[in-house]
Amino acid sequence: PVHYSGVPGTMKSFLDRLFYVSTSN
């Protein structure tokens, strides 16, 4: 959904860690 013209905080935290582990491995 759209929260303040962006991704909601929980989803942002999820994606940051999901994709960072992927790129780091």
PDB file of all heavy atoms in Angstrom:
ATOM      1  N   PRO A   1       0.844  -1.182   0.000  1.00  0.00           N
ATOM      2  CA  PRO A   1       0.000   0.000   0.000  1.00  0.00           C
ATOM      3  C   PRO A   1       0.888   1.244   0.000  1.00  0.00           C
ATOM      4  O   PRO A   1       2.121   1.119  -0.026  1.00  0.00           O
ATOM      5  CB  PRO A   1      -0.776  -0.126   1.315  1.00  0.00           C
ATOM      6  CG  PRO A   1       0.190  -0.821   2.231  1.00  0.00           C
ATOM      7  CD  PRO A   1       0.984  -1.762   1.335  1.00  0.00           C
ATOM      8  N   VAL A   2       0.294   2.407   0.050  1.00  0.00           N
ATOM      9  CA  VAL A   2       1.043   3.659   0.067  1.00  0.00           C
ATOM     10  C   VAL A   2       0.914   4.305   1.441  1.00  0.00           C
ATOM     11  O   VAL A   2      -0.191   4.618   1.881  1.00  0.00           O
ATOM     12  CB  VAL A   2       0.521   4.634  -1.021  1.00  0.00           C
ATOM     13  CG1 VAL A   2       1.263   5.964  -0.946  1.00  0.00           C
ATOM     14  CG2 VAL A   2       0.661   4.015  -2.402  1.00  0.00           C
ATOM     15  N   HIS A   3       2.039   4.481   2.129  1.00  0.00           N
ATOM     16  CA  HIS A   3       2.079   5.198   3.402  1.00  0.00           C
ATOM     17  C   HIS A   3       2.970   6.421   3.249  1.00  0.00           C
ATOM     18  O   HIS A   3       4.182   6.289   3.043  1.00  0.00           O
ATOM     19  CB  HIS A   3       2.611   4.290   4.516  1.00  0.00           C
ATOM     20  CG  HIS A   3       1.657   3.226   4.944  1.00  0.00           C
ATOM     21  ND1 HIS A   3       1.841   2.454   6.072  1.00  0.00           N
ATOM     22  CD2 HIS A   3       0.483   2.798   4.401  1.00  0.00           C
ATOM     23  CE1 HIS A   3       0.838   1.590   6.203  1.00  0.00           C
ATOM     24  NE2 HIS A   3       0.002   1.778   5.198  1.00  0.00           N
ATOM     25  N   TYR A   4       2.377   7.585   3.300  1.00  0.00           N
ATOM     26  CA  TYR A   4       3.141   8.830   3.129  1.00  0.00           C
ATOM     27  C   TYR A   4       3.990   8.799   1.854  1.00  0.00           C
ATOM     28  O   TYR A   4       5.173   9.099   1.865  1.00  0.00           O
ATOM     29  CB  TYR A   4       4.010   9.115   4.356  1.00  0.00           C
ATOM     30  CG  TYR A   4       3.202   9.493   5.575  1.00  0.00           C
ATOM     31  CD1 TYR A   4       2.794   8.516   6.482  1.00  0.00           C
ATOM     32  CD2 TYR A   4       2.823  10.811   5.796  1.00  0.00           C
ATOM     33  CE1 TYR A   4       2.021   8.838   7.594  1.00  0.00           C
ATOM     34  CE2 TYR A   4       2.049  11.145   6.909  1.00  0.00           C
ATOM     35  CZ  TYR A   4       1.655  10.158   7.798  1.00  0.00           C
ATOM     36  OH  TYR A   4       0.888  10.489   8.892  1.00  0.00           O
ATOM     37  N   SER A   5       3.362   8.401   0.769  1.00  0.00           N
ATOM     38  CA  SER A   5       3.988   8.345  -0.563  1.00  0.00           C
ATOM     39  C   SER A   5       5.148   7.365  -0.645  1.00  0.00           C
ATOM     40  O   SER A   5       6.058   7.529  -1.458  1.00  0.00           O
ATOM     41  CB  SER A   5       4.463   9.743  -1.009  1.00  0.00           C
ATOM     42  OG  SER A   5       3.362  10.597  -1.201  1.00  0.00           O
ATOM     43  N   GLY A   6       5.133   6.333   0.195  1.00  0.00           N
ATOM     44  CA  GLY A   6       6.208   5.351   0.172  1.00  0.00           C
ATOM     45  C   GLY A   6       5.776   4.006   0.732  1.00  0.00           C
ATOM     46  O   GLY A   6       4.615   3.794   1.098  1.00  0.00           O
ATOM     47  N   VAL A   7       6.731   3.101   0.797  1.00  0.00           N
ATOM     48  CA  VAL A   7       6.499   1.752   1.317  1.00  0.00           C
ATOM     49  C   VAL A   7       6.349   1.812   2.841  1.00  0.00           C
ATOM     50  O   VAL A   7       7.111   2.519   3.506  1.00  0.00           O
ATOM     51  CB  VAL A   7       7.685   0.834   0.931  1.00  0.00           C
ATOM     52  CG1 VAL A   7       7.545  -0.542   1.558  1.00  0.00           C
ATOM     53  CG2 VAL A   7       7.795   0.729  -0.585  1.00  0.00           C
ATOM     54  N   PRO A   8       5.399   1.097   3.434  1.00  0.00           N
ATOM     55  CA  PRO A   8       5.254   1.084   4.892  1.00  0.00           C
ATOM     56  C   PRO A   8       6.532   0.628   5.590  1.00  0.00           C
ATOM     57  O   PRO A   8       7.316  -0.151   5.039  1.00  0.00           O
ATOM     58  CB  PRO A   8       4.123   0.078   5.126  1.00  0.00           C
ATOM     59  CG  PRO A   8       3.376   0.032   3.839  1.00  0.00           C
ATOM     60  CD  PRO A   8       4.384   0.277   2.761  1.00  0.00           C
ATOM     61  N   GLY A   9       6.737   1.091   6.816  1.00  0.00           N
ATOM     62  CA  GLY A   9       7.972   0.837   7.554  1.00  0.00           C
ATOM     63  C   GLY A   9       8.318  -0.626   7.722  1.00  0.00           C
ATOM     64  O   GLY A   9       9.476  -1.022   7.542  1.00  0.00           O
ATOM     65  N   THR A  10       7.347  -1.456   8.062  1.00  0.00           N
ATOM     66  CA  THR A  10       7.621  -2.882   8.257  1.00  0.00           C
ATOM     67  C   THR A  10       8.083  -3.533   6.965  1.00  0.00           C
ATOM     68  O   THR A  10       9.037  -4.315   6.953  1.00  0.00           O
ATOM     69  CB  THR A  10       6.371  -3.603   8.794  1.00  0.00           C
ATOM     70  OG1 THR A  10       5.996  -3.025  10.046  1.00  0.00           O
ATOM     71  CG2 THR A  10       6.638  -5.085   8.995  1.00  0.00           C
ATOM     72  N   MET A  11       7.412  -3.202   5.869  1.00  0.00           N
ATOM     73  CA  MET A  11       7.804  -3.753   4.571  1.00  0.00           C
ATOM     74  C   MET A  11       9.197  -3.271   4.182  1.00  0.00           C
ATOM     75  O   MET A  11      10.003  -4.037   3.640  1.00  0.00           O
ATOM     76  CB  MET A  11       6.776  -3.345   3.507  1.00  0.00           C
ATOM     77  CG  MET A  11       7.031  -3.929   2.121  1.00  0.00           C
ATOM     78  SD  MET A  11       6.863  -5.730   2.048  1.00  0.00           S
ATOM     79  CE  MET A  11       6.648  -5.968   0.283  1.00  0.00           C
ATOM     80  N   LYS A  12       9.505  -2.023   4.448  1.00  0.00           N
ATOM     81  CA  LYS A  12      10.829  -1.471   4.135  1.00  0.00           C
ATOM     82  C   LYS A  12      11.907  -2.220   4.912  1.00  0.00           C
ATOM     83  O   LYS A  12      12.949  -2.601   4.355  1.00  0.00           O
ATOM     84  CB  LYS A  12      10.860   0.019   4.471  1.00  0.00           C
ATOM     85  CG  LYS A  12      12.204   0.722   4.260  1.00  0.00           C
ATOM     86  CD  LYS A  12      12.483   0.927   2.789  1.00  0.00           C
ATOM     87  CE  LYS A  12      13.585   1.934   2.530  1.00  0.00           C
ATOM     88  NZ  LYS A  12      14.897   1.565   3.065  1.00  0.00           N
ATOM     89  N   SER A  13      11.696  -2.440   6.206  1.00  0.00           N
ATOM     90  CA  SER A  13      12.665  -3.187   7.019  1.00  0.00           C
ATOM     91  C   SER A  13      12.843  -4.600   6.490  1.00  0.00           C
ATOM     92  O   SER A  13      13.964  -5.116   6.414  1.00  0.00           O
ATOM     93  CB  SER A  13      12.203  -3.236   8.484  1.00  0.00           C
ATOM     94  OG  SER A  13      12.206  -1.949   9.061  1.00  0.00           O
ATOM     95  N   PHE A  14      11.734  -5.229   6.106  1.00  0.00           N
ATOM     96  CA  PHE A  14      11.770  -6.584   5.551  1.00  0.00           C
ATOM     97  C   PHE A  14      12.598  -6.618   4.271  1.00  0.00           C
ATOM     98  O   PHE A  14      13.497  -7.449   4.112  1.00  0.00           O
ATOM     99  CB  PHE A  14      10.347  -7.059   5.291  1.00  0.00           C
ATOM    100  CG  PHE A  14      10.255  -8.369   4.561  1.00  0.00           C
ATOM    101  CD1 PHE A  14      10.387  -9.567   5.232  1.00  0.00           C
ATOM    102  CD2 PHE A  14      10.022  -8.400   3.189  1.00  0.00           C
ATOM    103  CE1 PHE A  14      10.300 -10.787   4.568  1.00  0.00           C
ATOM    104  CE2 PHE A  14       9.936  -9.601   2.507  1.00  0.00           C
ATOM    105  CZ  PHE A  14      10.075 -10.793   3.199  1.00  0.00           C
ATOM    106  N   LEU A  15      12.314  -5.717   3.354  1.00  0.00           N
ATOM    107  CA  LEU A  15      13.010  -5.709   2.065  1.00  0.00           C
ATOM    108  C   LEU A  15      14.480  -5.356   2.211  1.00  0.00           C
ATOM    109  O   LEU A  15      15.338  -5.933   1.530  1.00  0.00           O
ATOM    110  CB  LEU A  15      12.323  -4.737   1.111  1.00  0.00           C
ATOM    111  CG  LEU A  15      10.905  -5.116   0.671  1.00  0.00           C
ATOM    112  CD1 LEU A  15      10.282  -3.996  -0.152  1.00  0.00           C
ATOM    113  CD2 LEU A  15      10.893  -6.421  -0.104  1.00  0.00           C
ATOM    114  N   ASP A  16      14.804  -4.408   3.088  1.00  0.00           N
ATOM    115  CA  ASP A  16      16.206  -4.035   3.305  1.00  0.00           C
ATOM    116  C   ASP A  16      17.029  -5.249   3.698  1.00  0.00           C
ATOM    117  O   ASP A  16      18.111  -5.498   3.151  1.00  0.00           O
ATOM    118  CB  ASP A  16      16.317  -2.968   4.395  1.00  0.00           C
ATOM    119  CG  ASP A  16      15.968  -1.583   3.910  1.00  0.00           C
ATOM    120  OD1 ASP A  16      15.777  -1.392   2.690  1.00  0.00           O
ATOM    121  OD2 ASP A  16      15.886  -0.672   4.762  1.00  0.00           O
ATOM    122  N   ARG A  17      16.523  -6.021   4.640  1.00  0.00           N
ATOM    123  CA  ARG A  17      17.285  -7.164   5.125  1.00  0.00           C
ATOM    124  C   ARG A  17      17.243  -8.337   4.157  1.00  0.00           C
ATOM    125  O   ARG A  17      18.258  -9.010   3.934  1.00  0.00           O
ATOM    126  CB  ARG A  17      16.766  -7.580   6.503  1.00  0.00           C
ATOM    127  CG  ARG A  17      17.172  -6.578   7.595  1.00  0.00           C
ATOM    128  CD  ARG A  17      16.471  -6.843   8.910  1.00  0.00           C
ATOM    129  NE  ARG A  17      16.620  -8.227   9.338  1.00  0.00           N
ATOM    130  CZ  ARG A  17      15.750  -8.844  10.146  1.00  0.00           C
ATOM    131  NH1 ARG A  17      14.676  -8.207  10.583  1.00  0.00           N
ATOM    132  NH2 ARG A  17      15.963 -10.089  10.495  1.00  0.00           N
ATOM    133  N   LEU A  18      16.092  -8.594   3.546  1.00  0.00           N
ATOM    134  CA  LEU A  18      15.964  -9.685   2.588  1.00  0.00           C
ATOM    135  C   LEU A  18      16.953  -9.515   1.440  1.00  0.00           C
ATOM    136  O   LEU A  18      17.714 -10.429   1.105  1.00  0.00           O
ATOM    137  CB  LEU A  18      14.535  -9.720   2.037  1.00  0.00           C
ATOM    138  CG  LEU A  18      14.209 -10.857   1.064  1.00  0.00           C
ATOM    139  CD1 LEU A  18      13.833 -12.116   1.852  1.00  0.00           C
ATOM    140  CD2 LEU A  18      13.057 -10.461   0.147  1.00  0.00           C
ATOM    141  N   PHE A  19      16.970  -8.333   0.859  1.00  0.00           N
ATOM    142  CA  PHE A  19      17.807  -8.107  -0.319  1.00  0.00           C
ATOM    143  C   PHE A  19      19.268  -7.878   0.041  1.00  0.00           C
ATOM    144  O   PHE A  19      20.156  -8.204  -0.746  1.00  0.00           O
ATOM    145  CB  PHE A  19      17.253  -6.942  -1.138  1.00  0.00           C
ATOM    146  CG  PHE A  19      16.086  -7.331  -1.993  1.00  0.00           C
ATOM    147  CD1 PHE A  19      14.792  -7.275  -1.493  1.00  0.00           C
ATOM    148  CD2 PHE A  19      16.262  -7.781  -3.291  1.00  0.00           C
ATOM    149  CE1 PHE A  19      13.705  -7.644  -2.271  1.00  0.00           C
ATOM    150  CE2 PHE A  19      15.194  -8.161  -4.083  1.00  0.00           C
ATOM    151  CZ  PHE A  19      13.907  -8.088  -3.566  1.00  0.00           C
ATOM    152  N   TYR A  20      19.531  -7.360   1.234  1.00  0.00           N
ATOM    153  CA  TYR A  20      20.933  -7.163   1.612  1.00  0.00           C
ATOM    154  C   TYR A  20      21.631  -8.501   1.846  1.00  0.00           C
ATOM    155  O   TYR A  20      22.781  -8.692   1.431  1.00  0.00           O
ATOM    156  CB  TYR A  20      21.053  -6.293   2.867  1.00  0.00           C
ATOM    157  CG  TYR A  20      22.470  -5.857   3.130  1.00  0.00           C
ATOM    158  CD1 TYR A  20      23.071  -4.889   2.341  1.00  0.00           C
ATOM    159  CD2 TYR A  20      23.230  -6.452   4.141  1.00  0.00           C
ATOM    160  CE1 TYR A  20      24.388  -4.502   2.556  1.00  0.00           C
ATOM    161  CE2 TYR A  20      24.546  -6.074   4.362  1.00  0.00           C
ATOM    162  CZ  TYR A  20      25.114  -5.101   3.569  1.00  0.00           C
ATOM    163  OH  TYR A  20      26.415  -4.725   3.775  1.00  0.00           O
ATOM    164  N   VAL A  21      20.938  -9.439   2.483  1.00  0.00           N
ATOM    165  CA  VAL A  21      21.520 -10.777   2.667  1.00  0.00           C
ATOM    166  C   VAL A  21      21.755 -11.425   1.307  1.00  0.00           C
ATOM    167  O   VAL A  21      22.793 -12.052   1.076  1.00  0.00           O
ATOM    168  CB  VAL A  21      20.616 -11.668   3.546  1.00  0.00           C
ATOM    169  CG1 VAL A  21      21.140 -13.106   3.566  1.00  0.00           C
ATOM    170  CG2 VAL A  21      20.547 -11.123   4.965  1.00  0.00           C
ATOM    171  N   SER A  22      20.812 -11.267   0.394  1.00  0.00           N
ATOM    172  CA  SER A  22      20.970 -11.836  -0.941  1.00  0.00           C
ATOM    173  C   SER A  22      22.205 -11.288  -1.644  1.00  0.00           C
ATOM    174  O   SER A  22      23.043 -12.053  -2.145  1.00  0.00           O
ATOM    175  CB  SER A  22      19.726 -11.548  -1.792  1.00  0.00           C
ATOM    176  OG  SER A  22      19.967 -11.862  -3.154  1.00  0.00           O
ATOM    177  N   THR A  23      22.343  -9.976  -1.692  1.00  0.00           N
ATOM    178  CA  THR A  23      23.482  -9.384  -2.400  1.00  0.00           C
ATOM    179  C   THR A  23      24.800  -9.661  -1.690  1.00  0.00           C
ATOM    180  O   THR A  23      25.844  -9.736  -2.336  1.00  0.00           O
ATOM    181  CB  THR A  23      23.296  -7.861  -2.559  1.00  0.00           C
ATOM    182  OG1 THR A  23      23.066  -7.258  -1.270  1.00  0.00           O
ATOM    183  CG2 THR A  23      22.114  -7.548  -3.458  1.00  0.00           C
ATOM    184  N   SER A  24      24.758  -9.851  -0.371  1.00  0.00           N
ATOM    185  CA  SER A  24      25.982 -10.130   0.392  1.00  0.00           C
ATOM    186  C   SER A  24      26.427 -11.579   0.268  1.00  0.00           C
ATOM    187  O   SER A  24      27.506 -11.942   0.727  1.00  0.00           O
ATOM    188  CB  SER A  24      25.774  -9.798   1.878  1.00  0.00           C
ATOM    189  OG  SER A  24      25.535  -8.416   2.044  1.00  0.00           O
ATOM    190  N   ASN A  25      25.567 -12.414  -0.322  1.00  0.00           N
ATOM    191  CA  ASN A  25      25.881 -13.839  -0.472  1.00  0.00           C
ATOM    192  C   ASN A  25      25.896 -14.258  -1.935  1.00  0.00           C
ATOM    193  O   ASN A  25      25.364 -15.303  -2.316  1.00  0.00           O
ATOM    194  CB  ASN A  25      24.880 -14.682   0.320  1.00  0.00           C
ATOM    195  CG  ASN A  25      25.142 -14.659   1.810  1.00  0.00           C
ATOM    196  OD1 ASN A  25      25.760 -15.564   2.373  1.00  0.00           O
ATOM    197  ND2 ASN A  25      24.673 -13.612   2.478  1.00  0.00           N
TER     198      ASN A  25
END
